[in-house]
Protein backbone atom coordinates (compact mmCIF):
# COMPACT_ATOMS: atom_id res chain seq x y z
CA MET A 1 -0.22 21.25 -17.06
CA LYS A 2 -1.00 19.31 -13.91
CA PHE A 3 2.01 18.44 -11.75
CA TYR A 4 1.61 14.67 -12.13
CA ARG A 5 1.63 15.01 -15.93
CA LEU A 6 5.05 16.70 -15.93
CA THR A 7 8.27 14.79 -16.46
CA PRO A 8 10.41 14.31 -13.34
CA GLN A 9 12.83 16.99 -14.52
CA GLN A 10 10.01 19.43 -15.17
CA ARG A 11 8.74 18.85 -11.63
CA ARG A 12 12.22 19.55 -10.31
CA ASP A 13 12.30 22.74 -12.36
CA VAL A 14 9.02 23.83 -10.75
CA LEU A 15 10.50 23.32 -7.29
CA ALA A 16 13.71 25.11 -8.27
CA LYS A 17 11.68 28.16 -9.34
CA GLN A 18 10.18 28.16 -5.84
CA GLY A 19 13.69 28.44 -4.39
CA ILE A 20 13.93 24.81 -3.26
CA GLU A 21 17.40 23.33 -3.64
CA LEU A 22 17.40 19.69 -4.77
CA ASP A 23 20.24 17.20 -4.73
CA LYS A 24 21.71 16.11 -8.04
CA ILE A 25 20.45 12.88 -9.57
CA ASP A 26 21.21 11.41 -12.96
CA GLU A 27 18.40 11.45 -15.50
CA ALA A 28 18.34 7.69 -16.08
CA THR A 29 17.85 6.97 -12.37
CA LEU A 30 15.20 9.66 -12.12
CA ASN A 31 13.24 8.21 -15.02
CA GLN A 32 13.47 4.70 -13.59
CA LEU A 33 12.11 5.90 -10.26
CA ASN A 34 9.31 7.68 -12.07
CA GLN A 35 8.04 4.28 -13.21
CA LEU A 36 7.67 3.17 -9.58
CA SER A 37 5.78 6.02 -7.94
CA GLU A 38 3.83 9.26 -8.44
CA ASN A 39 5.04 12.88 -8.67
CA VAL A 40 8.66 11.71 -8.46
CA VAL A 41 11.26 14.45 -7.93
CA GLY A 42 14.18 12.56 -6.38
CA GLU A 43 15.27 9.58 -4.35
CA LEU A 44 15.85 8.61 -0.73
CA ARG A 45 18.75 6.25 -0.18
CA LEU A 46 19.14 3.79 2.67
CA PRO A 47 22.31 1.92 3.52
CA VAL A 48 22.17 -1.86 3.15
CA GLY A 49 23.95 -3.71 5.95
CA LEU A 50 24.43 -7.46 6.28
CA VAL A 51 23.72 -10.15 8.82
CA GLN A 52 26.66 -12.40 8.17
CA ASN A 53 25.66 -15.80 9.48
CA LEU A 54 21.97 -16.38 10.14
CA LEU A 55 21.48 -20.12 10.51
CA VAL A 56 17.88 -21.10 9.69
CA ASN A 57 16.73 -24.69 9.22
CA GLY A 58 20.33 -25.79 8.79
CA TYR A 59 21.20 -23.25 6.09
CA SER A 60 23.42 -20.20 6.62
CA TYR A 61 22.15 -16.98 5.06
CA LEU A 62 23.68 -13.60 4.31
CA VAL A 63 20.78 -11.26 5.01
CA PRO A 64 20.55 -7.68 3.66
CA MET A 65 18.97 -5.09 5.94
CA ALA A 66 17.97 -1.64 4.66
CA THR A 67 18.03 0.77 7.59
CA GLU A 68 19.72 4.00 8.65
CA GLU A 69 20.03 2.75 12.26
CA PRO A 70 23.39 0.99 12.83
CA SER A 71 22.27 -0.58 16.11
CA VAL A 72 19.59 -2.58 14.28
CA VAL A 73 22.15 -4.31 12.06
CA ALA A 74 24.56 -4.75 14.98
CA ALA A 75 21.80 -6.29 17.12
CA ALA A 76 20.75 -8.70 14.37
CA ASN A 77 24.34 -9.88 13.97
CA HIS A 78 24.78 -10.26 17.73
CA GLY A 79 21.61 -12.30 18.10
CA SER A 80 22.26 -14.45 15.03
CA ASN A 81 25.81 -15.17 16.20
CA ILE A 82 24.43 -16.55 19.47
CA PHE A 83 21.84 -18.55 17.54
CA SER A 84 24.42 -20.11 15.23
CA LYS A 85 26.53 -21.30 18.17
CA CYS A 86 23.47 -23.10 19.56
CA GLY A 87 22.30 -24.86 16.40
CA GLY A 88 20.47 -21.99 14.74
CA VAL A 89 16.79 -21.22 14.24
CA ILE A 90 14.06 -23.69 13.39
CA ALA A 91 11.36 -21.90 11.42
CA GLN A 92 8.17 -22.93 9.69
CA SER A 93 5.88 -20.94 7.41
CA LYS A 94 2.21 -21.79 6.99
CA ARG A 95 1.38 -20.11 3.71
CA GLN A 96 -2.23 -21.10 3.15
CA GLY A 97 -3.10 -17.76 1.62
CA ILE A 98 -4.19 -14.19 2.17
CA TYR A 99 -7.69 -12.87 2.51
CA GLY A 100 -9.83 -10.78 0.24
CA GLN A 101 -13.06 -9.35 1.60
CA ILE A 102 -16.35 -8.72 -0.15
CA VAL A 103 -19.25 -6.96 1.55
CA LEU A 104 -22.69 -7.01 -0.03
CA GLN A 105 -25.90 -5.27 0.91
CA VAL A 106 -28.78 -7.73 0.45
CA THR A 107 -32.58 -7.79 0.50
CA THR A 108 -34.79 -9.54 3.03
CA ASP A 109 -35.22 -12.35 0.50
CA PHE A 110 -31.53 -13.27 0.68
CA LYS A 111 -30.90 -16.90 1.69
CA PRO A 112 -27.36 -17.59 3.01
CA GLU A 113 -27.49 -21.30 2.29
CA SER A 114 -28.42 -20.66 -1.31
CA LEU A 115 -25.24 -18.62 -1.77
CA ARG A 116 -23.06 -21.12 0.11
CA GLU A 117 -24.12 -23.80 -2.35
CA GLN A 118 -22.60 -21.68 -5.13
CA PHE A 119 -19.17 -21.37 -3.49
CA PRO A 120 -17.56 -24.32 -5.37
CA GLN A 121 -18.84 -22.89 -8.66
CA LEU A 122 -17.54 -19.40 -7.79
CA ILE A 123 -14.12 -20.79 -6.85
CA ASN A 124 -13.87 -22.68 -10.13
CA LEU A 125 -15.00 -19.61 -12.06
CA ALA A 126 -12.37 -17.40 -10.43
CA ASN A 127 -9.61 -19.96 -10.95
CA ARG A 128 -10.47 -20.23 -14.64
CA GLU A 129 -10.42 -16.45 -14.95
CA PHE A 130 -7.06 -16.25 -13.17
CA ALA A 131 -5.52 -19.39 -14.63
CA SER A 132 -2.02 -17.87 -14.66
CA LEU A 133 -2.04 -17.76 -10.86
CA VAL A 134 -3.22 -21.35 -10.68
CA LYS A 135 -0.44 -22.32 -13.09
CA HIS A 136 2.10 -20.92 -10.61
CA GLY A 137 0.61 -22.96 -7.76
CA GLY A 138 -1.87 -20.43 -6.39
CA GLY A 139 -5.52 -19.60 -6.76
CA VAL A 140 -8.72 -19.26 -4.75
CA LYS A 141 -8.84 -21.90 -2.01
CA GLU A 142 -12.05 -21.25 -0.08
CA ILE A 143 -14.82 -18.78 0.65
CA GLU A 144 -16.41 -18.15 4.04
CA MET A 145 -19.49 -16.07 4.80
CA ARG A 146 -21.35 -14.45 7.63
CA GLN A 147 -24.43 -12.20 7.68
CA GLU A 148 -25.23 -9.28 9.94
CA ASP A 149 -28.70 -7.90 9.19
CA GLU A 150 -28.64 -6.66 5.57
CA LEU A 151 -24.85 -6.97 5.25
CA VAL A 152 -23.14 -10.12 3.99
CA TYR A 153 -19.40 -10.52 4.59
CA LEU A 154 -17.39 -12.92 2.46
CA GLN A 155 -13.78 -13.86 3.22
CA VAL A 156 -12.02 -15.20 0.13
CA LEU A 157 -8.80 -17.11 0.82
CA VAL A 158 -6.33 -16.79 -2.05
CA ASP A 159 -2.98 -18.54 -2.35
CA PRO A 160 -0.71 -15.95 -4.06
CA ALA A 161 2.07 -18.49 -4.76
CA GLU A 162 5.46 -16.68 -4.65
CA ALA A 163 4.02 -13.16 -4.84
CA MET A 164 2.85 -10.77 -2.14
CA GLY A 165 -0.45 -11.01 -3.96
CA ALA A 166 -2.18 -7.74 -3.06
CA ASN A 167 -2.97 -6.71 -6.62
CA LYS A 168 -4.00 -10.23 -7.63
CA VAL A 169 -6.31 -10.63 -4.63
CA ASN A 170 -7.93 -7.27 -5.34
CA ALA A 171 -8.56 -8.33 -8.93
CA ILE A 172 -10.03 -11.67 -7.85
CA VAL A 173 -12.44 -10.29 -5.25
CA GLU A 174 -13.57 -7.54 -7.60
CA PHE A 175 -14.28 -10.18 -10.23
CA LEU A 176 -16.25 -12.32 -7.77
CA ALA A 177 -18.12 -9.30 -6.40
CA ASP A 178 -19.26 -8.38 -9.90
CA GLN A 179 -20.65 -11.90 -10.32
CA LEU A 180 -22.44 -11.74 -6.96
CA ALA A 181 -23.88 -8.30 -7.67
CA LYS A 182 -25.95 -9.87 -10.46
CA MET A 183 -27.97 -11.87 -7.93
CA PRO A 184 -31.53 -10.53 -7.52
CA GLU A 185 -31.23 -10.65 -3.71
CA VAL A 186 -28.18 -8.34 -3.74
CA ASN A 187 -28.94 -4.63 -3.59
CA SER A 188 -25.37 -3.45 -3.97
CA LYS A 189 -21.70 -4.31 -3.69
CA LEU A 190 -20.29 -2.12 -0.91
CA PHE A 191 -16.65 -3.05 -1.45
CA ALA A 192 -14.28 -5.78 -2.56
CA ILE A 193 -10.65 -5.49 -1.46
CA LEU A 194 -7.69 -7.29 0.04
CA SER A 195 -7.67 -7.67 3.82
CA ASN A 196 -4.41 -7.32 5.73
CA TYR A 197 -5.75 -9.58 8.47
CA PRO A 198 -2.94 -11.81 9.82
CA SER A 199 -2.27 -14.72 7.49
CA GLN A 200 0.77 -16.51 6.08
CA LEU A 201 2.01 -17.08 9.65
CA THR A 202 5.67 -17.90 10.26
CA THR A 203 7.08 -19.19 13.56
CA ALA A 204 10.77 -19.05 14.47
CA GLN A 205 12.15 -20.96 17.47
CA VAL A 206 15.53 -21.20 19.19
CA LYS A 207 16.89 -23.21 22.10
CA LEU A 208 19.96 -21.62 23.65
CA SER A 209 22.18 -22.82 26.46
CA VAL A 210 21.99 -20.34 29.33
CA ASN A 211 25.79 -19.95 29.13
CA ALA A 212 25.42 -18.63 25.57
CA VAL A 213 23.51 -15.60 26.87
CA GLY A 214 25.74 -14.91 29.87
CA GLY A 215 24.56 -17.40 32.45
CA ALA A 216 21.47 -18.50 34.34
CA GLU A 217 20.90 -15.12 35.98
CA VAL A 218 20.76 -13.30 32.65
CA ALA A 219 18.52 -15.99 31.16
CA ASP A 220 16.12 -15.68 34.10
CA LYS A 221 15.96 -11.91 33.63
CA ILE A 222 15.19 -12.32 29.93
CA ALA A 223 12.39 -14.75 30.75
CA LEU A 224 11.03 -12.33 33.36
CA LEU A 225 11.10 -9.46 30.87
CA SER A 226 9.22 -11.65 28.43
CA LYS A 227 6.64 -12.54 31.09
CA ILE A 228 6.09 -8.86 31.84
CA GLY A 229 5.57 -8.22 28.14
CA GLN A 230 2.76 -10.78 28.06
CA HIS A 231 0.52 -8.60 30.22
CA ASP A 232 2.04 -5.09 30.42
CA VAL A 233 1.25 -3.08 27.31
CA TYR A 234 4.05 -0.55 27.89
CA ARG A 235 6.67 -3.32 27.79
CA ALA A 236 4.86 -5.25 25.06
CA VAL A 237 4.77 -2.45 22.51
CA THR A 238 8.46 -1.64 23.03
CA ASN A 239 9.36 -5.32 22.80
CA ASN A 240 7.48 -5.57 19.51
CA LYS A 241 9.06 -2.40 18.16
CA GLY A 242 12.46 -4.00 18.70
CA ILE A 243 11.33 -7.05 16.75
CA MET A 244 10.03 -4.91 13.92
CA ASN A 245 13.34 -3.02 13.73
CA GLY A 246 14.90 -6.10 12.16
CA VAL A 247 11.80 -7.30 10.33
CA ASN A 248 11.19 -3.97 8.59
CA ALA A 249 14.83 -3.67 7.53
CA VAL A 250 14.70 -7.04 5.70
CA LEU A 251 11.27 -6.27 4.24
CA MET A 252 12.61 -2.99 2.86
CA ALA A 253 15.70 -4.67 1.46
CA THR A 254 13.62 -7.32 -0.34
CA GLY A 255 11.00 -4.97 -1.80
CA ASN A 256 8.18 -6.20 0.43
CA ASP A 257 5.36 -4.24 2.04
CA GLU A 258 6.49 -3.44 5.57
CA ARG A 259 3.33 -1.40 6.21
CA ALA A 260 1.08 -4.40 5.64
CA VAL A 261 3.21 -6.60 7.91
CA ALA A 262 3.21 -3.95 10.65
CA ALA A 263 -0.58 -3.58 10.49
CA ALA A 264 -1.13 -7.34 10.61
CA SER A 265 1.38 -7.74 13.44
CA GLY A 266 -0.56 -5.21 15.52
CA VAL A 267 -3.71 -7.27 15.06
CA LEU A 268 -1.89 -10.52 15.91
CA ALA A 269 -0.51 -8.97 19.09
CA SER A 270 -4.06 -8.06 20.14
CA GLN A 271 -5.93 -11.26 19.30
CA SER A 272 -6.29 -12.34 22.92
CA GLY A 273 -8.21 -9.13 23.63
CA GLN A 274 -5.14 -7.48 25.15
CA TYR A 275 -2.09 -6.20 23.32
CA THR A 276 0.85 -8.47 24.14
CA SER A 277 4.43 -9.30 23.14
CA LEU A 278 4.78 -11.19 19.89
CA SER A 279 7.76 -13.12 21.23
CA LYS A 280 8.03 -15.43 24.22
CA TRP A 281 11.13 -16.51 26.16
CA GLU A 282 11.24 -19.20 28.85
CA VAL A 283 13.95 -20.92 30.86
CA GLN A 284 13.69 -24.70 30.66
CA GLY A 285 16.40 -26.35 32.72
CA ASP A 286 19.76 -25.26 31.31
CA TYR A 287 18.21 -23.73 28.22
CA LEU A 288 16.58 -20.46 27.24
CA SER A 289 13.88 -21.08 24.63
CA GLY A 290 12.55 -18.33 22.41
CA GLU A 291 9.66 -18.24 19.98
CA LEU A 292 8.24 -15.63 17.63
CA THR A 293 5.25 -15.84 15.31
CA LEU A 294 4.68 -13.16 12.68
CA PRO A 295 2.16 -12.64 9.87
CA LEU A 296 4.38 -12.44 6.79
CA ALA A 297 2.33 -12.04 3.63
CA ILE A 298 5.42 -11.51 1.51
CA GLY A 299 6.71 -12.45 -1.91
CA THR A 300 9.84 -12.85 -3.97
CA VAL A 301 8.19 -11.81 -7.24
CA GLY A 302 5.60 -9.26 -8.29
CA GLY A 303 5.13 -5.63 -7.35
CA SER A 304 8.30 -3.62 -7.90
CA ILE A 305 10.65 -6.44 -6.87
CA LYS A 306 11.84 -7.36 -10.38
CA ALA A 307 11.83 -3.74 -11.53
CA ARG A 308 14.33 -2.53 -8.93
CA ALA A 309 18.02 -3.21 -9.49
CA ASP A 310 18.82 -2.41 -5.84
CA VAL A 311 16.34 -5.04 -4.63
CA GLN A 312 17.59 -7.61 -7.14
CA GLN A 313 21.11 -7.17 -5.77
CA ASN A 314 19.78 -8.07 -2.33
CA TYR A 315 18.22 -11.26 -3.69
CA ARG A 316 21.58 -12.22 -5.14
CA ILE A 317 22.99 -11.83 -1.62
CA LEU A 318 20.19 -13.91 -0.09
CA GLY A 319 20.19 -16.48 -2.87
CA GLU A 320 18.32 -15.90 -6.10
CA LYS A 321 16.35 -19.14 -5.79
CA ILE A 322 15.00 -18.34 -2.32
CA THR A 323 11.28 -19.03 -2.03
CA ALA A 324 8.71 -16.82 -0.33
CA ALA A 325 8.39 -19.37 2.50
CA GLU A 326 12.16 -19.46 3.00
CA LEU A 327 12.35 -15.68 3.00
CA ALA A 328 9.58 -15.55 5.60
CA ASP A 329 11.59 -17.99 7.75
CA VAL A 330 14.62 -15.71 7.46
CA ILE A 331 12.65 -12.57 8.33
CA ALA A 332 11.10 -14.16 11.43
CA ALA A 333 14.55 -15.38 12.50
CA VAL A 334 15.99 -11.86 12.14
CA GLY A 335 13.11 -10.49 14.22
CA LEU A 336 13.88 -13.02 16.96
CA ALA A 337 17.62 -12.19 16.79
CA ASN A 338 16.94 -8.47 17.20
CA ASN A 339 14.58 -9.26 20.07
CA LEU A 340 17.19 -11.33 21.90
CA ALA A 341 19.87 -8.67 21.43
CA ALA A 342 17.55 -5.99 22.84
CA LEU A 343 16.60 -8.12 25.85
CA LEU A 344 20.27 -8.87 26.51
CA ALA A 345 21.11 -5.17 26.40
CA ILE A 346 18.29 -4.29 28.80
CA THR A 347 19.24 -7.00 31.29
CA THR A 348 22.98 -6.27 31.24
CA ASP A 349 24.52 -2.91 30.26
CA GLY A 350 21.28 -1.15 29.42
CA ILE A 351 20.01 -0.38 25.96
CA GLN A 352 21.43 3.14 25.77
CA LYS A 353 25.11 2.18 26.06
CA GLY A 354 25.18 0.28 22.80
CA HIS A 355 23.01 2.83 21.04
CA MET A 356 25.31 5.69 22.01
CA LYS A 357 28.43 3.93 20.82
CA LEU A 358 26.85 3.54 17.41
CA GLN A 359 25.51 7.09 17.52
CA ALA A 360 29.08 8.26 17.95
CA ARG A 361 29.89 6.85 14.53
CA ASN A 362 27.20 9.03 12.98
CA LEU A 363 28.53 12.11 14.75
CA VAL A 364 32.06 11.42 13.51
CA ALA A 365 30.88 10.73 9.95
CA ASN A 366 29.49 14.26 9.72
CA LEU A 367 32.75 15.95 10.73
CA SER A 368 34.87 17.79 8.18
CA ALA A 369 38.01 15.91 9.15
CA THR A 370 40.55 13.40 7.91
CA ALA A 371 40.03 9.67 8.43
CA GLN A 372 42.71 9.63 11.14
CA GLU A 373 41.15 12.60 12.94
CA LYS A 374 37.73 10.93 12.85
CA LYS A 375 39.19 7.77 14.34
CA GLN A 376 40.70 9.71 17.24
CA VAL A 377 37.50 11.69 17.84
CA LEU A 378 35.46 8.47 17.89
CA HIS A 379 37.80 7.05 20.52
CA LEU A 380 37.44 10.19 22.66
CA LEU A 381 33.65 10.24 22.37
CA THR A 382 33.29 6.63 23.54
CA GLN A 383 36.01 6.94 26.17
CA ASN A 384 34.39 10.01 27.74
CA ARG A 385 30.82 8.83 27.06
CA GLU A 386 29.90 12.14 25.48
CA TYR A 387 27.62 11.78 22.47
CA SER A 388 26.73 15.17 21.01
CA GLU A 389 27.75 17.35 18.08
CA ALA A 390 29.29 19.80 20.53
CA ALA A 391 31.42 17.06 22.06
CA ALA A 392 32.54 15.86 18.62
CA SER A 393 33.59 19.40 17.67
CA LYS A 394 35.38 19.84 21.01
CA PHE A 395 37.36 16.63 20.63
CA LEU A 396 38.24 17.44 17.02
CA HIS A 397 39.65 20.75 18.22
CA GLN A 398 41.69 18.91 20.87
CA VAL A 399 43.02 16.44 18.31
CA ARG A 400 44.15 19.24 16.01
CA GLU A 401 45.78 21.16 18.86
CA ARG A 402 47.88 18.09 19.66
CA GLU A 403 48.92 17.81 16.02
CA ASP A 404 50.03 21.42 16.01
């Protein structure tokens, strides 16, 4: 029997016969996971940390972040704490829709204007076919077209309502493409599929007193770093990676597609013709102003969101009635908080100092030692600024010698 047709336990048995040792997992969990993916044999767990007080549009959120990197959660909390002391984040989501793309191969008799005249009819046809989406506030909004020789490109803008919308958009454009393929001037339908082109844009803004970030000198350095990131690709890509540290962690925690957001963010960062920083920081008098715009085609329903108990717990933390637009505001705000924390670290103590302190916690966690011994070893690691497994073992030995 083919591997994908086996039960999860049977697949695990196959691996066991090959001498591969697998971690224990209860059968109920294994079977639940099997409903979410293909060829399932186990699970990968991520810790969920919290941002405790993220103030966005006047509302304080507890924000779950799924990541194995402690510095990401620490940075988000540091940045959001500064934000909250200065009035919080103002964010706005423009959720007009996401794009589906249809490409047709046409004959020389094809007349673009003739097809454009049919757009209202095609939109109505699609919205009748997908009435459930319209009922929830979504649906096809507009169709745009361009022609290059024998190829016709159609961009179909679909409002997915509260869902991410990938599956629904694919279904809609396939339906429309089948209708268009019946036209005598169309030779073939090349493809019809969702596009991850930047859409559903969300902008987060903060205005911080320079004293809140350590004074005018620090604020000026942050603004200079930001300016460098506008034209230097080496700084820009690292700046954006720091933003995505926080963004991806919230996307993971809420069951959203971090891969789609990352792909769209790369395009957005390159729209000027040169890759640039997604965020911008400027000193204006006694204030440091920051702004971040991200393409966040996300949802609070659909996909595997409702099917995953771990994700549903995170929505209870966020607020079960949170809308997709509100969640996008929160995610953009977290990205800006992580960005500020990284820029502060670079302009003051250096990024590595904070990272190594948190790395020490991981080293200590892996020791076969008592809680008290781990506490003492952690103190010695940070005090001596030694962050390696060898150093952790050395200090544990010293701690035990003292006890003897």
